[in-house]
Amino acid sequence: MKEVFISIYNFIVNLIYSLGILGAFLGSLLIVMESILPFLPLFVFITINFQVFGFLSGFLISWLCTVLGCLLAYTLVKRFFKDKALKKIKNVKLLKKCLNYVQNLNLMQITVILAIPFTPAFMMNIAAGIAEIPLKKFLPALIISKMFIVYFWGFVGTSFIESFKNPRSLITIFIMLLGAYLLSLLAKKIFKID
């Protein structure tokens, strides 16, 4: 399994390197696409950007593109799918309750929810678009929360790559993932998210 992961990782890294300046475009495009297609692994793309472009450039590329991708998903839902979704939601009591909950979130609550690594950000983008959370509230929450997400996944990902050379890095990764998971459980309890 380790060899398969390393082979895939090396293939993507070499592809980005071989593309030169277009490699930054590919790294950016992968992250934007992840915000629209949630089955794509965000942490893998962030890790690759950190490894290929260095900490600062990798962070900036990943952060800006994550924010851009989330805004794109939010805008597409708000513009093209909101009315259809609202028609279906009005007949389902649980969905109406969830929508009402999302509409009443304040900036701090949205930021905290989006900053937790195990929160399905894709679902939050959809919910924000359907609930018509104003852009002036959603954008600052994205900008702030995605800094933490990108740093977290960049650190965990690069530490994971490092763990192939130094197995002690796995302890740091495990502690960070456990901490993030416990924070997500706490946030779910505080904000009453089921």
C-alpha atoms as a PDB file:
ATOM      1  CA  MET A   1       0.000   0.000   0.000  1.00  0.00           C
ATOM      2  CA  LYS A   2       2.837   2.342   0.913  1.00  0.00           C
ATOM      3  CA  GLU A   3       4.443   1.791  -2.503  1.00  0.00           C
ATOM      4  CA  VAL A   4       1.161   2.529  -4.330  1.00  0.00           C
ATOM      5  CA  PHE A   5       0.719   5.792  -2.419  1.00  0.00           C
ATOM      6  CA  ILE A   6       4.301   6.847  -3.101  1.00  0.00           C
ATOM      7  CA  SER A   7       3.934   5.972  -6.806  1.00  0.00           C
ATOM      8  CA  ILE A   8       0.740   8.043  -7.193  1.00  0.00           C
ATOM      9  CA  TYR A   9       2.215  10.907  -5.200  1.00  0.00           C
ATOM     10  CA  ASN A  10       5.444  10.885  -7.255  1.00  0.00           C
ATOM     11  CA  PHE A  11       3.475  10.763 -10.518  1.00  0.00           C
ATOM     12  CA  ILE A  12       1.414  13.872  -9.618  1.00  0.00           C
ATOM     13  CA  VAL A  13       4.423  15.759  -8.239  1.00  0.00           C
ATOM     14  CA  ASN A  14       6.504  14.972 -11.346  1.00  0.00           C
ATOM     15  CA  LEU A  15       3.619  15.998 -13.592  1.00  0.00           C
ATOM     16  CA  ILE A  16       3.328  19.359 -11.812  1.00  0.00           C
ATOM     17  CA  TYR A  17       7.102  19.895 -11.979  1.00  0.00           C
ATOM     18  CA  SER A  18       7.205  19.005 -15.681  1.00  0.00           C
ATOM     19  CA  LEU A  19       4.495  21.552 -16.483  1.00  0.00           C
ATOM     20  CA  GLY A  20       6.568  24.443 -15.140  1.00  0.00           C
ATOM     21  CA  ILE A  21       4.380  27.504 -14.557  1.00  0.00           C
ATOM     22  CA  LEU A  22       1.345  25.505 -15.705  1.00  0.00           C
ATOM     23  CA  GLY A  23       2.002  23.213 -12.739  1.00  0.00           C
ATOM     24  CA  ALA A  24       0.769  25.966 -10.427  1.00  0.00           C
ATOM     25  CA  PHE A  25      -2.341  26.168 -12.587  1.00  0.00           C
ATOM     26  CA  LEU A  26      -2.904  22.404 -12.279  1.00  0.00           C
ATOM     27  CA  GLY A  27      -2.387  22.527  -8.510  1.00  0.00           C
ATOM     28  CA  SER A  28      -4.884  25.381  -8.331  1.00  0.00           C
ATOM     29  CA  LEU A  29      -7.420  23.733 -10.611  1.00  0.00           C
ATOM     30  CA  LEU A  30      -7.399  20.508  -8.590  1.00  0.00           C
ATOM     31  CA  ILE A  31      -8.245  22.406  -5.403  1.00  0.00           C
ATOM     32  CA  VAL A  32     -11.011  24.470  -7.039  1.00  0.00           C
ATOM     33  CA  MET A  33     -12.504  21.286  -8.513  1.00  0.00           C
ATOM     34  CA  GLU A  34     -12.470  19.607  -5.089  1.00  0.00           C
ATOM     35  CA  SER A  35     -14.854  22.272  -3.780  1.00  0.00           C
ATOM     36  CA  ILE A  36     -17.348  21.286  -6.482  1.00  0.00           C
ATOM     37  CA  LEU A  37     -16.623  17.542  -6.606  1.00  0.00           C
ATOM     38  CA  PRO A  38     -16.340  16.478  -2.952  1.00  0.00           C
ATOM     39  CA  PHE A  39     -15.042  12.966  -3.679  1.00  0.00           C
ATOM     40  CA  LEU A  40     -11.683  14.488  -4.655  1.00  0.00           C
ATOM     41  CA  PRO A  41      -9.173  14.406  -1.748  1.00  0.00           C
ATOM     42  CA  LEU A  42      -8.449  18.016  -0.716  1.00  0.00           C
ATOM     43  CA  PHE A  43      -5.692  17.067   1.712  1.00  0.00           C
ATOM     44  CA  VAL A  44      -3.765  15.277  -1.062  1.00  0.00           C
ATOM     45  CA  PHE A  45      -3.839  18.344  -3.321  1.00  0.00           C
ATOM     46  CA  ILE A  46      -2.860  20.669  -0.468  1.00  0.00           C
ATOM     47  CA  THR A  47       0.011  18.352   0.474  1.00  0.00           C
ATOM     48  CA  ILE A  48       1.250  18.278  -3.107  1.00  0.00           C
ATOM     49  CA  ASN A  49       1.100  22.075  -3.343  1.00  0.00           C
ATOM     50  CA  PHE A  50       3.072  22.381  -0.083  1.00  0.00           C
ATOM     51  CA  GLN A  51       5.671  19.876  -1.311  1.00  0.00           C
ATOM     52  CA  VAL A  52       6.023  21.288  -4.831  1.00  0.00           C
ATOM     53  CA  PHE A  53       5.755  25.024  -4.224  1.00  0.00           C
ATOM     54  CA  GLY A  54       7.105  25.240  -0.681  1.00  0.00           C
ATOM     55  CA  PHE A  55       5.288  26.166   2.497  1.00  0.00           C
ATOM     56  CA  LEU A  56       4.394  29.801   1.790  1.00  0.00           C
ATOM     57  CA  SER A  57       3.542  29.529  -1.925  1.00  0.00           C
ATOM     58  CA  GLY A  58       1.815  26.168  -1.419  1.00  0.00           C
ATOM     59  CA  PHE A  59      -0.220  27.658   1.414  1.00  0.00           C
ATOM     60  CA  LEU A  60      -1.242  30.733  -0.598  1.00  0.00           C
ATOM     61  CA  ILE A  61      -2.162  28.743  -3.714  1.00  0.00           C
ATOM     62  CA  SER A  62      -4.165  26.224  -1.693  1.00  0.00           C
ATOM     63  CA  TRP A  63      -5.881  28.837   0.499  1.00  0.00           C
ATOM     64  CA  LEU A  64      -6.913  31.144  -2.341  1.00  0.00           C
ATOM     65  CA  CYS A  65      -8.113  28.278  -4.513  1.00  0.00           C
ATOM     66  CA  THR A  66     -10.078  26.661  -1.684  1.00  0.00           C
ATOM     67  CA  VAL A  67     -11.852  29.965  -1.028  1.00  0.00           C
ATOM     68  CA  LEU A  68     -12.448  30.426  -4.773  1.00  0.00           C
ATOM     69  CA  GLY A  69     -13.804  26.888  -5.152  1.00  0.00           C
ATOM     70  CA  CYS A  70     -16.169  27.261  -2.183  1.00  0.00           C
ATOM     71  CA  LEU A  71     -17.411  30.589  -3.547  1.00  0.00           C
ATOM     72  CA  LEU A  72     -17.961  28.998  -6.932  1.00  0.00           C
ATOM     73  CA  ALA A  73     -19.999  26.141  -5.417  1.00  0.00           C
ATOM     74  CA  TYR A  74     -21.988  28.610  -3.262  1.00  0.00           C
ATOM     75  CA  THR A  75     -22.726  30.851  -6.277  1.00  0.00           C
ATOM     76  CA  LEU A  76     -23.723  27.968  -8.573  1.00  0.00           C
ATOM     77  CA  VAL A  77     -26.144  26.610  -5.973  1.00  0.00           C
ATOM     78  CA  LYS A  78     -27.552  30.048  -5.181  1.00  0.00           C
ATOM     79  CA  ARG A  79     -28.058  30.959  -8.824  1.00  0.00           C
ATOM     80  CA  PHE A  80     -29.147  27.688 -10.447  1.00  0.00           C
ATOM     81  CA  PHE A  81     -30.387  25.205  -7.839  1.00  0.00           C
ATOM     82  CA  LYS A  82     -31.793  27.213  -4.920  1.00  0.00           C
ATOM     83  CA  ASP A  83     -35.380  27.474  -6.192  1.00  0.00           C
ATOM     84  CA  LYS A  84     -35.635  23.764  -7.009  1.00  0.00           C
ATOM     85  CA  ALA A  85     -34.169  22.841  -3.643  1.00  0.00           C
ATOM     86  CA  LEU A  86     -36.506  25.185  -1.756  1.00  0.00           C
ATOM     87  CA  LYS A  87     -39.546  23.608  -3.455  1.00  0.00           C
ATOM     88  CA  LYS A  88     -38.470  20.177  -2.249  1.00  0.00           C
ATOM     89  CA  ILE A  89     -37.459  21.374   1.223  1.00  0.00           C
ATOM     90  CA  LYS A  90     -40.772  23.048   2.022  1.00  0.00           C
ATOM     91  CA  ASN A  91     -42.480  19.631   2.186  1.00  0.00           C
ATOM     92  CA  VAL A  92     -39.915  18.001   4.488  1.00  0.00           C
ATOM     93  CA  LYS A  93     -40.067  19.160   8.085  1.00  0.00           C
ATOM     94  CA  LEU A  94     -36.528  18.065   9.030  1.00  0.00           C
ATOM     95  CA  LEU A  95     -34.975  19.835   6.016  1.00  0.00           C
ATOM     96  CA  LYS A  96     -36.938  23.013   6.771  1.00  0.00           C
ATOM     97  CA  LYS A  97     -35.613  22.881  10.337  1.00  0.00           C
ATOM     98  CA  CYS A  98     -32.029  22.425   9.066  1.00  0.00           C
ATOM     99  CA  LEU A  99     -32.419  25.290   6.583  1.00  0.00           C
ATOM    100  CA  ASN A 100     -33.774  27.550   9.311  1.00  0.00           C
ATOM    101  CA  TYR A 101     -30.821  26.594  11.509  1.00  0.00           C
ATOM    102  CA  VAL A 102     -28.306  27.454   8.767  1.00  0.00           C
ATOM    103  CA  GLN A 103     -30.033  30.769   8.024  1.00  0.00           C
ATOM    104  CA  ASN A 104     -29.663  31.805  11.668  1.00  0.00           C
ATOM    105  CA  LEU A 105     -25.947  31.051  11.996  1.00  0.00           C
ATOM    106  CA  ASN A 106     -23.823  34.083  12.783  1.00  0.00           C
ATOM    107  CA  LEU A 107     -20.388  34.817  11.288  1.00  0.00           C
ATOM    108  CA  MET A 108     -18.489  33.213  14.168  1.00  0.00           C
ATOM    109  CA  GLN A 109     -20.545  30.019  14.007  1.00  0.00           C
ATOM    110  CA  ILE A 110     -20.110  29.685  10.244  1.00  0.00           C
ATOM    111  CA  THR A 111     -16.374  30.300  10.597  1.00  0.00           C
ATOM    112  CA  VAL A 112     -15.962  27.682  13.334  1.00  0.00           C
ATOM    113  CA  ILE A 113     -17.999  25.086  11.447  1.00  0.00           C
ATOM    114  CA  LEU A 114     -16.000  25.640   8.242  1.00  0.00           C
ATOM    115  CA  ALA A 115     -12.664  25.616  10.124  1.00  0.00           C
ATOM    116  CA  ILE A 116     -13.112  22.100  11.476  1.00  0.00           C
ATOM    117  CA  PRO A 117     -11.230  19.646   9.238  1.00  0.00           C
ATOM    118  CA  PHE A 118     -13.922  16.957   9.325  1.00  0.00           C
ATOM    119  CA  THR A 119     -16.835  19.229   8.464  1.00  0.00           C
ATOM    120  CA  PRO A 120     -18.169  18.448   4.983  1.00  0.00           C
ATOM    121  CA  ALA A 121     -17.441  21.889   3.497  1.00  0.00           C
ATOM    122  CA  PHE A 122     -19.189  20.953   0.261  1.00  0.00           C
ATOM    123  CA  MET A 123     -22.464  20.509   2.156  1.00  0.00           C
ATOM    124  CA  MET A 124     -21.931  23.824   3.940  1.00  0.00           C
ATOM    125  CA  ASN A 125     -21.429  25.574   0.570  1.00  0.00           C
ATOM    126  CA  ILE A 126     -24.706  24.093  -0.667  1.00  0.00           C
ATOM    127  CA  ALA A 127     -26.562  24.940   2.534  1.00  0.00           C
ATOM    128  CA  ALA A 128     -25.240  28.514   2.505  1.00  0.00           C
ATOM    129  CA  GLY A 129     -26.351  28.949  -1.114  1.00  0.00           C
ATOM    130  CA  ILE A 130     -29.826  27.551  -0.520  1.00  0.00           C
ATOM    131  CA  ALA A 131     -30.283  29.427   2.764  1.00  0.00           C
ATOM    132  CA  GLU A 132     -29.153  32.621   1.049  1.00  0.00           C
ATOM    133  CA  ILE A 133     -26.541  33.420   3.642  1.00  0.00           C
ATOM    134  CA  PRO A 134     -25.342  36.834   2.473  1.00  0.00           C
ATOM    135  CA  LEU A 135     -21.993  36.914   0.691  1.00  0.00           C
ATOM    136  CA  LYS A 136     -20.802  39.590   3.145  1.00  0.00           C
ATOM    137  CA  LYS A 137     -21.187  36.992   5.929  1.00  0.00           C
ATOM    138  CA  PHE A 138     -20.120  33.873   4.008  1.00  0.00           C
ATOM    139  CA  LEU A 139     -16.958  35.293   2.381  1.00  0.00           C
ATOM    140  CA  PRO A 140     -15.229  36.429   5.619  1.00  0.00           C
ATOM    141  CA  ALA A 141     -16.084  33.064   7.196  1.00  0.00           C
ATOM    142  CA  LEU A 142     -14.485  31.292   4.214  1.00  0.00           C
ATOM    143  CA  ILE A 143     -11.379  33.476   4.207  1.00  0.00           C
ATOM    144  CA  ILE A 144     -10.725  32.938   7.914  1.00  0.00           C
ATOM    145  CA  SER A 145     -11.697  29.276   8.194  1.00  0.00           C
ATOM    146  CA  LYS A 146      -9.847  28.099   5.103  1.00  0.00           C
ATOM    147  CA  MET A 147      -6.570  29.467   6.503  1.00  0.00           C
ATOM    148  CA  PHE A 148      -6.855  26.937   9.317  1.00  0.00           C
ATOM    149  CA  ILE A 149      -7.992  24.101   7.078  1.00  0.00           C
ATOM    150  CA  VAL A 150      -5.171  24.601   4.566  1.00  0.00           C
ATOM    151  CA  TYR A 151      -2.536  24.923   7.283  1.00  0.00           C
ATOM    152  CA  PHE A 152      -3.876  21.853   9.074  1.00  0.00           C
ATOM    153  CA  TRP A 153      -3.995  19.602   5.987  1.00  0.00           C
ATOM    154  CA  GLY A 154      -0.695  20.980   4.690  1.00  0.00           C
ATOM    155  CA  PHE A 155       1.030  20.198   7.975  1.00  0.00           C
ATOM    156  CA  VAL A 156      -0.593  16.770   8.337  1.00  0.00           C
ATOM    157  CA  GLY A 157       0.105  15.881   4.698  1.00  0.00           C
ATOM    158  CA  THR A 158       3.744  16.940   4.682  1.00  0.00           C
ATOM    159  CA  SER A 159       4.251  15.215   8.050  1.00  0.00           C
ATOM    160  CA  PHE A 160       2.736  12.062   6.562  1.00  0.00           C
ATOM    161  CA  ILE A 161       5.182  12.210   3.645  1.00  0.00           C
ATOM    162  CA  GLU A 162       7.976  12.837   6.158  1.00  0.00           C
ATOM    163  CA  SER A 163       6.822   9.811   8.189  1.00  0.00           C
ATOM    164  CA  PHE A 164       8.119   7.546   5.422  1.00  0.00           C
ATOM    165  CA  LYS A 165      11.575   8.816   6.406  1.00  0.00           C
ATOM    166  CA  ASN A 166      10.890   9.443  10.112  1.00  0.00           C
ATOM    167  CA  PRO A 167       8.139   7.257  11.636  1.00  0.00           C
ATOM    168  CA  ARG A 168       7.918   9.526  14.726  1.00  0.00           C
ATOM    169  CA  SER A 169       6.039  12.045  12.582  1.00  0.00           C
ATOM    170  CA  LEU A 170       3.091   9.639  12.685  1.00  0.00           C
ATOM    171  CA  ILE A 171       2.621  10.443  16.379  1.00  0.00           C
ATOM    172  CA  THR A 172       2.254  14.155  15.588  1.00  0.00           C
ATOM    173  CA  ILE A 173      -0.201  13.373  12.777  1.00  0.00           C
ATOM    174  CA  PHE A 174      -2.240  11.101  15.029  1.00  0.00           C
ATOM    175  CA  ILE A 175      -2.411  13.732  17.804  1.00  0.00           C
ATOM    176  CA  MET A 176      -3.457  16.467  15.356  1.00  0.00           C
ATOM    177  CA  LEU A 177      -6.118  14.297  13.713  1.00  0.00           C
ATOM    178  CA  LEU A 178      -7.455  13.176  17.082  1.00  0.00           C
ATOM    179  CA  GLY A 179      -7.556  16.787  18.293  1.00  0.00           C
ATOM    180  CA  ALA A 180      -9.376  17.922  15.154  1.00  0.00           C
ATOM    181  CA  TYR A 181     -11.837  15.072  15.459  1.00  0.00           C
ATOM    182  CA  LEU A 182     -12.544  15.872  19.126  1.00  0.00           C
ATOM    183  CA  LEU A 183     -13.020  19.546  18.233  1.00  0.00           C
ATOM    184  CA  SER A 184     -15.491  18.553  15.546  1.00  0.00           C
ATOM    185  CA  LEU A 185     -17.464  16.501  18.080  1.00  0.00           C
ATOM    186  CA  LEU A 186     -17.436  19.449  20.490  1.00  0.00           C
ATOM    187  CA  ALA A 187     -18.599  21.864  17.786  1.00  0.00           C
ATOM    188  CA  LYS A 188     -21.377  19.461  16.813  1.00  0.00           C
ATOM    189  CA  LYS A 189     -22.532  19.366  20.417  1.00  0.00           C
ATOM    190  CA  ILE A 190     -22.289  23.146  20.950  1.00  0.00           C
ATOM    191  CA  PHE A 191     -24.077  24.014  17.702  1.00  0.00           C
ATOM    192  CA  LYS A 192     -26.462  21.023  17.970  1.00  0.00           C
ATOM    193  CA  ILE A 193     -25.524  19.608  14.567  1.00  0.00           C
ATOM    194  CA  ASP A 194     -26.789  16.085  13.860  1.00  0.00           C
END
